[in-house]
């Protein structure tokens, strides 16, 4: 298990079992000392069980971002009830470290297998990670991102793309 995934798992298990947030480890890698947006996804028997993230960094480094977002994915994703201790052994973790979003001028510059997408209209924003099961076209990626943002499918939006480093 990659150290970033191990950190996410440790954060969730400690929070669920002991109701406390773990401290930043002393021995974090150079990568975890950097700043970046991070998404943590939890799956149970192949089905999404929680996913929370930040597309721009909101803490001092990736390690802190992983801890914060892993706990939030476990207990604060409004689509799911909070994770219970009895489920912990069945959870698979995935951590995406986001690259800096770059504005694109056309959907032709997108590829749902390579790039995540951010759609923006005024204050409304929707984000979808890349390479998700069942999302095989740019049109489907944009449709889901717009729905997440509360943007109608007909509205024009600003488009941003980003790459991720995915750890499982």
N, C-alpha and C. Protein backbone atom coordinates (compact mmCIF):
# COMPACT_ATOMS: atom_id res chain seq x y z
N UNK A 1 0.85 -1.18 0.00
CA UNK A 1 0.00 0.00 0.00
C UNK A 1 0.90 1.24 0.00
N UNK A 2 0.59 2.18 -0.89
CA UNK A 2 1.38 3.41 -0.98
C UNK A 2 1.26 4.21 0.32
N UNK A 3 2.32 4.89 0.74
CA UNK A 3 2.27 5.66 2.00
C UNK A 3 1.14 6.70 2.06
N UNK A 4 0.79 7.29 0.92
CA UNK A 4 -0.30 8.28 0.91
C UNK A 4 -1.63 7.58 1.21
N UNK A 5 -1.84 6.41 0.65
CA UNK A 5 -3.06 5.65 0.90
C UNK A 5 -3.06 5.15 2.34
N UNK A 6 -1.92 4.71 2.81
CA UNK A 6 -1.81 4.25 4.21
C UNK A 6 -2.19 5.38 5.17
N UNK A 7 -1.75 6.61 4.87
CA UNK A 7 -2.07 7.76 5.71
C UNK A 7 -3.58 8.01 5.72
N UNK A 8 -4.22 7.94 4.55
CA UNK A 8 -5.67 8.13 4.48
C UNK A 8 -6.40 7.08 5.32
N UNK A 9 -5.98 5.85 5.17
CA UNK A 9 -6.61 4.75 5.93
C UNK A 9 -6.42 4.95 7.44
N UNK A 10 -5.21 5.29 7.84
CA UNK A 10 -4.92 5.50 9.26
C UNK A 10 -5.78 6.64 9.82
N UNK A 11 -5.90 7.72 9.04
CA UNK A 11 -6.70 8.87 9.48
C UNK A 11 -8.16 8.47 9.70
N UNK A 12 -8.73 7.74 8.75
CA UNK A 12 -10.13 7.33 8.84
C UNK A 12 -10.33 6.35 10.00
N UNK A 13 -9.49 5.32 10.07
CA UNK A 13 -9.67 4.31 11.11
C UNK A 13 -9.52 4.90 12.51
N UNK A 14 -8.55 5.79 12.69
CA UNK A 14 -8.36 6.41 14.00
C UNK A 14 -9.55 7.30 14.34
N UNK A 15 -10.03 8.05 13.36
CA UNK A 15 -11.16 8.94 13.62
C UNK A 15 -12.42 8.14 13.97
N UNK A 16 -12.69 7.09 13.23
CA UNK A 16 -13.90 6.29 13.48
C UNK A 16 -13.79 5.54 14.81
N UNK A 17 -12.64 4.95 15.07
CA UNK A 17 -12.49 4.13 16.29
C UNK A 17 -12.27 4.96 17.55
N UNK A 18 -11.49 6.05 17.44
CA UNK A 18 -11.07 6.79 18.63
C UNK A 18 -11.62 8.21 18.69
N UNK A 19 -12.33 8.64 17.64
CA UNK A 19 -12.92 9.99 17.58
C UNK A 19 -11.87 11.08 17.74
N UNK A 20 -10.71 10.86 17.12
CA UNK A 20 -9.67 11.89 17.15
C UNK A 20 -8.99 11.99 15.79
N UNK A 21 -8.47 13.17 15.53
CA UNK A 21 -7.75 13.42 14.29
C UNK A 21 -6.27 13.16 14.54
N UNK A 22 -5.66 12.35 13.69
CA UNK A 22 -4.24 12.02 13.87
C UNK A 22 -3.38 13.25 13.62
N UNK A 23 -2.20 13.24 14.24
CA UNK A 23 -1.22 14.29 14.01
C UNK A 23 -0.50 14.01 12.69
N UNK A 24 0.07 15.04 12.12
CA UNK A 24 0.89 14.85 10.94
C UNK A 24 2.07 13.96 11.29
N UNK A 25 2.33 12.94 10.51
CA UNK A 25 3.51 12.10 10.79
C UNK A 25 4.80 12.91 10.63
N UNK A 26 5.82 12.52 11.37
CA UNK A 26 7.12 13.20 11.26
C UNK A 26 7.87 12.79 10.01
N UNK A 27 7.62 11.59 9.52
CA UNK A 27 8.43 11.01 8.45
C UNK A 27 7.74 11.05 7.09
N UNK A 28 7.11 12.18 6.75
CA UNK A 28 6.42 12.24 5.47
C UNK A 28 7.41 12.44 4.33
N UNK A 29 7.04 11.93 3.17
CA UNK A 29 7.90 12.00 1.98
C UNK A 29 7.97 13.43 1.45
N UNK A 30 8.92 13.66 0.56
CA UNK A 30 9.03 14.96 -0.08
C UNK A 30 7.74 15.31 -0.82
N UNK A 31 7.14 14.31 -1.47
CA UNK A 31 5.88 14.56 -2.19
C UNK A 31 4.80 15.05 -1.22
N UNK A 32 4.70 14.43 -0.06
CA UNK A 32 3.65 14.81 0.90
C UNK A 32 3.91 16.16 1.55
N UNK A 33 5.13 16.70 1.42
CA UNK A 33 5.44 18.03 1.96
C UNK A 33 5.00 19.15 1.02
N UNK A 34 4.71 18.80 -0.23
CA UNK A 34 4.28 19.79 -1.21
C UNK A 34 2.83 20.19 -0.94
N UNK A 35 2.38 21.22 -1.66
CA UNK A 35 0.99 21.67 -1.55
C UNK A 35 0.27 21.30 -2.84
N UNK A 36 -0.95 20.77 -2.70
CA UNK A 36 -1.77 20.44 -3.87
C UNK A 36 -3.18 20.13 -3.38
N UNK A 37 -4.12 20.20 -4.31
CA UNK A 37 -5.46 19.72 -4.03
C UNK A 37 -5.43 18.21 -3.94
N UNK A 38 -6.31 17.64 -3.14
CA UNK A 38 -6.35 16.19 -2.90
C UNK A 38 -7.80 15.73 -2.81
N UNK A 39 -8.11 14.64 -3.50
CA UNK A 39 -9.40 13.98 -3.34
C UNK A 39 -9.16 12.60 -2.76
N UNK A 40 -9.98 12.23 -1.78
CA UNK A 40 -9.93 10.89 -1.21
C UNK A 40 -11.27 10.22 -1.50
N UNK A 41 -11.19 9.06 -2.12
CA UNK A 41 -12.38 8.28 -2.45
C UNK A 41 -12.38 6.98 -1.66
N UNK A 42 -13.53 6.64 -1.13
CA UNK A 42 -13.70 5.39 -0.38
C UNK A 42 -14.71 4.53 -1.13
N UNK A 43 -14.36 3.28 -1.31
CA UNK A 43 -15.28 2.34 -1.95
C UNK A 43 -15.48 1.14 -1.06
N UNK A 44 -16.68 0.59 -1.15
CA UNK A 44 -17.03 -0.63 -0.42
C UNK A 44 -17.64 -1.58 -1.43
N UNK A 45 -17.02 -2.74 -1.61
CA UNK A 45 -17.47 -3.73 -2.60
C UNK A 45 -17.64 -3.09 -3.98
N UNK A 46 -16.68 -2.25 -4.34
CA UNK A 46 -16.65 -1.63 -5.65
C UNK A 46 -17.58 -0.44 -5.82
N UNK A 47 -18.38 -0.13 -4.81
CA UNK A 47 -19.32 0.99 -4.89
C UNK A 47 -18.80 2.18 -4.08
N UNK A 48 -18.97 3.38 -4.63
CA UNK A 48 -18.54 4.58 -3.92
C UNK A 48 -19.22 4.64 -2.56
N UNK A 49 -18.44 4.96 -1.55
CA UNK A 49 -18.94 5.06 -0.17
C UNK A 49 -18.67 6.43 0.43
N UNK A 50 -17.85 7.23 -0.29
CA UNK A 50 -17.54 8.59 0.14
C UNK A 50 -16.44 9.16 -0.72
N UNK A 51 -16.54 10.44 -1.01
CA UNK A 51 -15.49 11.11 -1.79
C UNK A 51 -15.55 12.60 -1.48
N UNK A 52 -14.46 13.11 -0.96
CA UNK A 52 -14.35 14.53 -0.64
C UNK A 52 -12.97 14.99 -1.05
N UNK A 53 -12.90 16.23 -1.53
CA UNK A 53 -11.60 16.74 -1.92
C UNK A 53 -11.57 18.23 -2.06
N UNK A 54 -10.37 18.69 -2.33
CA UNK A 54 -10.11 20.10 -2.57
C UNK A 54 -9.35 20.20 -3.88
N UNK A 55 -9.79 21.09 -4.77
CA UNK A 55 -9.09 21.18 -6.04
C UNK A 55 -7.90 22.12 -5.96
N UNK A 56 -7.88 22.98 -4.94
CA UNK A 56 -6.71 23.80 -4.64
C UNK A 56 -6.35 23.51 -3.19
N UNK A 57 -5.07 23.60 -2.83
CA UNK A 57 -4.68 23.27 -1.45
C UNK A 57 -5.34 24.19 -0.43
N UNK A 58 -5.75 23.61 0.70
CA UNK A 58 -6.36 24.40 1.77
C UNK A 58 -5.63 24.22 3.10
N UNK A 59 -4.58 23.40 3.09
CA UNK A 59 -3.78 23.16 4.31
C UNK A 59 -2.30 23.35 3.98
N UNK A 60 -1.46 23.08 4.95
CA UNK A 60 -0.02 23.36 4.77
C UNK A 60 0.69 22.41 3.81
N UNK A 61 0.15 21.20 3.62
CA UNK A 61 0.81 20.27 2.70
C UNK A 61 -0.13 19.12 2.32
N UNK A 62 0.32 18.28 1.42
CA UNK A 62 -0.48 17.16 0.93
C UNK A 62 -0.85 16.21 2.07
N UNK A 63 0.06 15.95 2.98
CA UNK A 63 -0.25 15.04 4.08
C UNK A 63 -1.43 15.55 4.91
N UNK A 64 -1.43 16.83 5.24
CA UNK A 64 -2.54 17.40 6.01
C UNK A 64 -3.83 17.38 5.19
N UNK A 65 -3.71 17.62 3.90
CA UNK A 65 -4.87 17.60 2.99
C UNK A 65 -5.47 16.18 2.95
N UNK A 66 -4.61 15.16 2.91
CA UNK A 66 -5.07 13.76 2.89
C UNK A 66 -5.82 13.45 4.19
N UNK A 67 -5.26 13.82 5.32
CA UNK A 67 -5.90 13.54 6.60
C UNK A 67 -7.28 14.20 6.66
N UNK A 68 -7.34 15.48 6.34
CA UNK A 68 -8.59 16.24 6.40
C UNK A 68 -9.64 15.66 5.45
N UNK A 69 -9.26 15.39 4.21
CA UNK A 69 -10.22 14.95 3.21
C UNK A 69 -10.62 13.49 3.39
N UNK A 70 -9.72 12.67 3.92
CA UNK A 70 -10.07 11.27 4.19
C UNK A 70 -11.16 11.19 5.27
N UNK A 71 -10.98 11.94 6.33
CA UNK A 71 -11.99 11.95 7.40
C UNK A 71 -13.30 12.50 6.87
N UNK A 72 -13.23 13.58 6.10
CA UNK A 72 -14.46 14.16 5.53
C UNK A 72 -15.17 13.17 4.60
N UNK A 73 -14.39 12.43 3.79
CA UNK A 73 -15.00 11.43 2.90
C UNK A 73 -15.73 10.36 3.72
N UNK A 74 -15.19 10.03 4.87
CA UNK A 74 -15.77 8.98 5.70
C UNK A 74 -17.02 9.44 6.45
N UNK A 75 -17.07 10.69 6.84
CA UNK A 75 -18.17 11.11 7.72
C UNK A 75 -18.97 12.32 7.24
N UNK A 76 -18.49 13.05 6.24
CA UNK A 76 -19.16 14.29 5.84
C UNK A 76 -19.68 14.32 4.41
N UNK A 77 -19.58 13.24 3.66
CA UNK A 77 -20.11 13.23 2.30
C UNK A 77 -21.63 13.11 2.42
N UNK A 78 -22.34 14.17 2.03
CA UNK A 78 -23.79 14.23 2.24
C UNK A 78 -24.57 13.18 1.45
N UNK A 79 -23.92 12.50 0.52
CA UNK A 79 -24.60 11.46 -0.25
C UNK A 79 -24.71 10.14 0.52
N UNK A 80 -23.95 10.03 1.62
CA UNK A 80 -23.88 8.77 2.35
C UNK A 80 -23.99 9.01 3.85
N UNK A 81 -24.42 8.00 4.57
CA UNK A 81 -24.40 8.08 6.03
C UNK A 81 -22.94 7.90 6.47
N UNK A 82 -22.58 8.42 7.66
CA UNK A 82 -21.19 8.31 8.11
C UNK A 82 -20.74 6.85 8.20
N UNK A 83 -19.49 6.62 7.85
CA UNK A 83 -18.89 5.30 7.91
C UNK A 83 -18.96 4.77 9.34
N UNK A 84 -19.23 3.49 9.46
CA UNK A 84 -19.30 2.86 10.78
C UNK A 84 -18.09 1.95 10.97
N UNK A 85 -17.73 1.74 12.22
CA UNK A 85 -16.56 0.93 12.55
C UNK A 85 -16.65 -0.46 11.93
N UNK A 86 -17.84 -1.03 11.87
CA UNK A 86 -18.01 -2.37 11.32
C UNK A 86 -17.68 -2.44 9.83
N UNK A 87 -17.61 -1.31 9.14
CA UNK A 87 -17.32 -1.28 7.71
C UNK A 87 -15.84 -1.12 7.38
N UNK A 88 -15.03 -0.76 8.35
CA UNK A 88 -13.64 -0.36 8.09
C UNK A 88 -12.84 -1.40 7.31
N UNK A 89 -13.01 -2.66 7.62
CA UNK A 89 -12.23 -3.71 6.95
C UNK A 89 -12.61 -3.88 5.48
N UNK A 90 -13.76 -3.35 5.09
CA UNK A 90 -14.26 -3.53 3.72
C UNK A 90 -14.00 -2.31 2.82
N UNK A 91 -13.32 -1.30 3.33
CA UNK A 91 -13.14 -0.06 2.58
C UNK A 91 -11.84 -0.09 1.77
N UNK A 92 -11.96 0.27 0.50
CA UNK A 92 -10.78 0.47 -0.36
C UNK A 92 -10.60 1.97 -0.53
N UNK A 93 -9.36 2.40 -0.50
CA UNK A 93 -9.01 3.82 -0.53
C UNK A 93 -8.34 4.17 -1.85
N UNK A 94 -8.65 5.35 -2.33
CA UNK A 94 -7.98 5.91 -3.50
C UNK A 94 -7.72 7.38 -3.20
N UNK A 95 -6.49 7.83 -3.47
CA UNK A 95 -6.12 9.22 -3.23
C UNK A 95 -5.62 9.81 -4.54
N UNK A 96 -6.24 10.92 -4.93
CA UNK A 96 -5.83 11.64 -6.13
C UNK A 96 -5.17 12.95 -5.73
N UNK A 97 -3.93 13.14 -6.18
CA UNK A 97 -3.22 14.40 -5.98
C UNK A 97 -3.40 15.20 -7.28
N UNK A 98 -4.00 16.36 -7.17
CA UNK A 98 -4.36 17.13 -8.35
C UNK A 98 -3.23 18.04 -8.81
N UNK A 99 -3.05 18.08 -10.12
CA UNK A 99 -2.17 19.07 -10.72
C UNK A 99 -2.91 20.40 -10.77
N UNK A 100 -2.20 21.45 -11.10
CA UNK A 100 -2.80 22.78 -11.17
C UNK A 100 -3.79 22.84 -12.34
N UNK A 101 -5.02 23.29 -12.08
CA UNK A 101 -5.99 23.40 -13.17
C UNK A 101 -5.53 24.42 -14.22
N UNK A 102 -5.77 24.09 -15.49
CA UNK A 102 -5.44 25.02 -16.57
C UNK A 102 -6.70 25.27 -17.39
N UNK A 103 -6.93 26.54 -17.73
CA UNK A 103 -8.11 26.90 -18.50
C UNK A 103 -7.94 26.39 -19.93
N UNK A 104 -9.03 25.88 -20.49
CA UNK A 104 -9.04 25.43 -21.88
C UNK A 104 -10.14 26.18 -22.61
N UNK A 105 -9.99 26.30 -23.91
CA UNK A 105 -10.95 27.09 -24.69
C UNK A 105 -12.03 26.24 -25.34
N UNK A 106 -11.87 24.93 -25.30
CA UNK A 106 -12.81 24.08 -26.02
C UNK A 106 -12.86 22.68 -25.41
N UNK A 107 -14.02 22.02 -25.48
CA UNK A 107 -14.09 20.62 -25.04
C UNK A 107 -13.16 19.70 -25.83
N UNK A 108 -12.72 20.15 -27.00
CA UNK A 108 -11.79 19.34 -27.79
C UNK A 108 -10.45 19.15 -27.08
N UNK A 109 -10.16 19.99 -26.09
CA UNK A 109 -8.91 19.89 -25.33
C UNK A 109 -9.05 18.98 -24.11
N UNK A 110 -10.19 18.34 -23.96
CA UNK A 110 -10.45 17.45 -22.83
C UNK A 110 -10.36 16.00 -23.25
N UNK A 111 -10.07 15.15 -22.29
CA UNK A 111 -10.07 13.70 -22.48
C UNK A 111 -10.38 13.09 -21.12
N UNK A 112 -11.56 12.48 -20.95
CA UNK A 112 -11.97 12.02 -19.61
C UNK A 112 -11.08 10.92 -19.03
N UNK A 113 -10.28 10.27 -19.86
CA UNK A 113 -9.37 9.25 -19.34
C UNK A 113 -8.09 9.86 -18.78
N UNK A 114 -7.72 11.06 -19.29
CA UNK A 114 -6.47 11.71 -18.90
C UNK A 114 -6.69 12.88 -17.95
N UNK A 115 -7.70 13.69 -18.24
CA UNK A 115 -7.91 14.93 -17.50
C UNK A 115 -9.19 14.91 -16.68
N UNK A 116 -9.09 15.45 -15.47
CA UNK A 116 -10.29 15.83 -14.74
C UNK A 116 -10.77 17.15 -15.31
N UNK A 117 -11.99 17.51 -14.96
CA UNK A 117 -12.56 18.75 -15.50
C UNK A 117 -13.21 19.55 -14.39
N UNK A 118 -13.10 20.87 -14.53
CA UNK A 118 -13.82 21.81 -13.66
C UNK A 118 -14.66 22.68 -14.59
N UNK A 119 -15.94 22.78 -14.30
CA UNK A 119 -16.81 23.70 -15.02
C UNK A 119 -17.16 24.84 -14.07
N UNK A 120 -17.22 26.05 -14.61
CA UNK A 120 -17.47 27.22 -13.77
C UNK A 120 -18.41 28.18 -14.49
N UNK A 121 -19.42 28.62 -13.76
CA UNK A 121 -20.35 29.64 -14.24
C UNK A 121 -20.65 30.55 -13.06
N UNK A 122 -20.09 31.75 -13.06
CA UNK A 122 -20.25 32.63 -11.91
C UNK A 122 -19.61 32.00 -10.69
N UNK A 123 -20.38 31.88 -9.62
CA UNK A 123 -19.87 31.27 -8.39
C UNK A 123 -20.06 29.76 -8.34
N UNK A 124 -20.76 29.22 -9.32
CA UNK A 124 -21.02 27.77 -9.34
C UNK A 124 -19.86 27.04 -10.01
N UNK A 125 -19.40 25.97 -9.35
CA UNK A 125 -18.30 25.17 -9.88
C UNK A 125 -18.62 23.70 -9.67
N UNK A 126 -18.25 22.90 -10.66
CA UNK A 126 -18.38 21.46 -10.55
C UNK A 126 -17.09 20.81 -11.01
N UNK A 127 -16.70 19.75 -10.34
CA UNK A 127 -15.45 19.06 -10.64
C UNK A 127 -15.73 17.58 -10.81
N UNK A 128 -15.03 16.98 -11.77
CA UNK A 128 -15.10 15.53 -11.93
C UNK A 128 -13.68 15.03 -12.17
N UNK A 129 -13.30 14.02 -11.42
CA UNK A 129 -11.97 13.43 -11.56
C UNK A 129 -11.87 12.68 -12.88
N UNK A 130 -10.65 12.44 -13.35
CA UNK A 130 -10.48 11.69 -14.60
C UNK A 130 -10.58 10.19 -14.39
N UNK A 131 -10.74 9.48 -15.48
CA UNK A 131 -10.63 8.03 -15.53
C UNK A 131 -11.57 7.35 -14.53
N UNK A 132 -12.85 7.76 -14.58
CA UNK A 132 -13.86 7.17 -13.72
C UNK A 132 -14.65 6.13 -14.50
N UNK A 133 -14.97 5.05 -13.83
CA UNK A 133 -15.75 3.98 -14.45
C UNK A 133 -17.08 4.53 -14.94
N UNK A 134 -17.43 4.25 -16.19
CA UNK A 134 -18.69 4.69 -16.76
C UNK A 134 -18.67 6.06 -17.39
N UNK A 135 -17.56 6.78 -17.24
CA UNK A 135 -17.44 8.10 -17.86
C UNK A 135 -16.45 7.97 -19.00
N UNK A 136 -16.99 7.75 -20.20
CA UNK A 136 -16.15 7.42 -21.34
C UNK A 136 -16.09 8.51 -22.40
N UNK A 137 -16.85 9.59 -22.22
CA UNK A 137 -16.84 10.65 -23.23
C UNK A 137 -16.74 12.02 -22.55
N UNK A 138 -16.25 12.98 -23.31
CA UNK A 138 -16.18 14.36 -22.81
C UNK A 138 -17.59 14.85 -22.49
N UNK A 139 -18.55 14.51 -23.33
CA UNK A 139 -19.93 14.96 -23.11
C UNK A 139 -20.47 14.46 -21.77
N UNK A 140 -20.22 13.20 -21.47
CA UNK A 140 -20.68 12.64 -20.19
C UNK A 140 -19.95 13.29 -19.02
N UNK A 141 -18.66 13.51 -19.16
CA UNK A 141 -17.88 14.17 -18.11
C UNK A 141 -18.42 15.58 -17.84
N UNK A 142 -18.68 16.34 -18.89
CA UNK A 142 -19.20 17.70 -18.73
C UNK A 142 -20.63 17.68 -18.16
N UNK A 143 -21.45 16.74 -18.58
CA UNK A 143 -22.82 16.63 -18.08
C UNK A 143 -22.82 16.42 -16.56
N UNK A 144 -22.00 15.49 -16.10
CA UNK A 144 -21.95 15.19 -14.66
C UNK A 144 -21.39 16.38 -13.88
N UNK A 145 -20.33 17.00 -14.39
CA UNK A 145 -19.73 18.15 -13.69
C UNK A 145 -20.73 19.30 -13.61
N UNK A 146 -21.48 19.55 -14.69
CA UNK A 146 -22.48 20.62 -14.66
C UNK A 146 -23.59 20.30 -13.66
N UNK A 147 -24.06 19.06 -13.65
CA UNK A 147 -25.10 18.68 -12.70
C UNK A 147 -24.63 18.89 -11.26
N UNK A 148 -23.38 18.51 -10.98
CA UNK A 148 -22.83 18.69 -9.63
C UNK A 148 -22.81 20.15 -9.22
N UNK A 149 -22.64 21.04 -10.21
CA UNK A 149 -22.54 22.47 -9.94
C UNK A 149 -23.90 23.17 -9.95
N UNK A 150 -24.95 22.46 -10.35
CA UNK A 150 -26.25 23.10 -10.48
C UNK A 150 -26.32 24.00 -11.71
N UNK A 151 -25.56 23.66 -12.73
CA UNK A 151 -25.52 24.41 -13.98
C UNK A 151 -26.33 23.63 -15.02
N UNK A 152 -27.23 24.32 -15.72
CA UNK A 152 -28.03 23.61 -16.72
C UNK A 152 -27.12 23.15 -17.86
N UNK A 153 -27.53 22.08 -18.50
CA UNK A 153 -26.71 21.48 -19.54
C UNK A 153 -26.52 22.41 -20.74
N UNK A 154 -27.44 23.36 -20.94
CA UNK A 154 -27.36 24.27 -22.08
C UNK A 154 -26.44 25.46 -21.83
N UNK A 155 -26.15 25.75 -20.57
CA UNK A 155 -25.36 26.94 -20.25
C UNK A 155 -23.90 26.78 -20.68
N UNK A 156 -23.34 27.86 -21.20
CA UNK A 156 -21.91 27.90 -21.48
C UNK A 156 -21.16 28.05 -20.17
N UNK A 157 -20.00 27.45 -20.10
CA UNK A 157 -19.21 27.48 -18.87
C UNK A 157 -17.74 27.73 -19.21
N UNK A 158 -17.01 28.21 -18.21
CA UNK A 158 -15.55 28.21 -18.31
C UNK A 158 -15.11 26.78 -18.06
N UNK A 159 -14.12 26.33 -18.81
CA UNK A 159 -13.61 24.97 -18.68
C UNK A 159 -12.16 24.98 -18.20
N UNK A 160 -11.87 24.09 -17.27
CA UNK A 160 -10.51 23.87 -16.79
C UNK A 160 -10.26 22.38 -16.80
N UNK A 161 -9.03 22.01 -17.05
CA UNK A 161 -8.65 20.60 -16.98
C UNK A 161 -7.47 20.48 -16.02
N UNK A 162 -7.31 19.27 -15.48
CA UNK A 162 -6.19 19.00 -14.59
C UNK A 162 -5.84 17.52 -14.68
N UNK A 163 -4.61 17.22 -14.39
CA UNK A 163 -4.17 15.83 -14.32
C UNK A 163 -4.07 15.44 -12.85
N UNK A 164 -4.05 14.14 -12.60
CA UNK A 164 -3.92 13.65 -11.23
C UNK A 164 -2.86 12.56 -11.16
N UNK A 165 -2.31 12.39 -9.99
CA UNK A 165 -1.52 11.22 -9.64
C UNK A 165 -2.43 10.41 -8.71
N UNK A 166 -2.82 9.23 -9.14
CA UNK A 166 -3.76 8.41 -8.38
C UNK A 166 -3.02 7.29 -7.66
N UNK A 167 -3.34 7.17 -6.38
CA UNK A 167 -2.74 6.13 -5.54
C UNK A 167 -3.84 5.26 -4.97
N UNK A 168 -3.62 3.94 -5.02
CA UNK A 168 -4.61 3.00 -4.45
C UNK A 168 -3.92 2.05 -3.51
